[in-house]
């Protein structure tokens, strides 16, 4: 059974634009791209809450497991 992507407990999908900045060889840049490509989802439980006092403190750091 798939998790509804709009559910608050569903993993967040992220997209990032990768650009080679500075003097980097194409082969080295592509090696980093290959390392990052499988990492396309972030679970809420893996994200640390912001420790600054003016930020929300509602984060519990736990996600119900399905």
Protein backbone atom coordinates (compact mmCIF):
# COMPACT_ATOMS: atom_id res chain seq x y z
CA UNK A 1 0.00 0.00 0.00
CA UNK A 2 1.48 3.34 -1.06
CA UNK A 3 1.55 6.35 1.24
CA UNK A 4 -0.46 9.33 0.04
CA UNK A 5 2.13 11.93 -1.10
CA UNK A 6 0.04 14.72 0.47
CA UNK A 7 -0.06 13.00 3.87
CA UNK A 8 1.88 14.79 6.64
CA UNK A 9 3.74 11.54 7.38
CA UNK A 10 4.76 10.91 3.76
CA UNK A 11 8.43 11.43 2.89
CA UNK A 12 9.13 14.83 1.35
CA UNK A 13 10.38 14.71 -2.20
CA UNK A 14 13.06 17.23 -3.00
CA UNK A 15 14.42 18.49 -6.26
CA UNK A 16 17.74 20.28 -6.53
CA UNK A 17 19.45 21.99 -9.40
CA UNK A 18 23.09 20.92 -9.49
CA UNK A 19 25.50 23.26 -11.22
CA UNK A 20 29.24 22.86 -11.63
CA UNK A 21 30.70 25.97 -10.01
CA UNK A 22 34.36 26.83 -10.26
CA UNK A 23 37.01 24.69 -11.85
CA UNK A 24 35.74 21.12 -11.63
CA UNK A 25 36.24 18.39 -14.18
CA UNK A 26 33.12 17.04 -15.84
CA UNK A 27 33.88 13.49 -14.69
CA UNK A 28 34.22 14.57 -11.04
CA UNK A 29 31.00 16.62 -11.18
CA UNK A 30 29.10 13.69 -12.71
CA UNK A 31 30.43 11.40 -9.97
CA UNK A 32 28.88 13.70 -7.35
CA UNK A 33 25.63 13.83 -9.32
CA UNK A 34 25.48 10.03 -9.32
CA UNK A 35 25.95 10.01 -5.53
CA UNK A 36 23.08 12.46 -5.00
CA UNK A 37 20.55 11.05 -7.47
CA UNK A 38 19.32 8.18 -5.24
CA UNK A 39 18.80 10.61 -2.34
CA UNK A 40 15.48 12.08 -3.42
CA UNK A 41 13.38 11.69 -0.26
CA UNK A 42 13.71 13.02 3.28
CA UNK A 43 11.71 11.57 6.20
CA UNK A 44 10.43 14.13 8.69
CA UNK A 45 11.95 12.08 11.52
CA UNK A 46 15.40 12.60 9.97
CA UNK A 47 15.11 16.41 10.19
CA UNK A 48 16.32 18.08 13.37
CA UNK A 49 14.18 20.86 14.85
CA UNK A 50 15.48 24.42 14.62
CA UNK A 51 17.05 25.23 18.03
CA UNK A 52 16.49 28.99 17.72
CA UNK A 53 13.96 30.19 20.32
CA UNK A 54 11.91 32.23 17.84
CA UNK A 55 11.11 29.13 15.75
CA UNK A 56 8.23 26.72 16.15
CA UNK A 57 8.61 24.14 18.91
CA UNK A 58 5.86 21.86 17.61
CA UNK A 59 8.35 19.46 16.01
CA UNK A 60 8.60 16.20 17.93
CA UNK A 61 11.21 14.52 15.73
CA UNK A 62 9.11 11.35 15.48
CA UNK A 63 6.93 10.08 12.71
CA UNK A 64 4.35 7.33 13.12
CA UNK A 65 5.49 4.19 11.31
CA UNK A 66 3.05 2.58 8.90
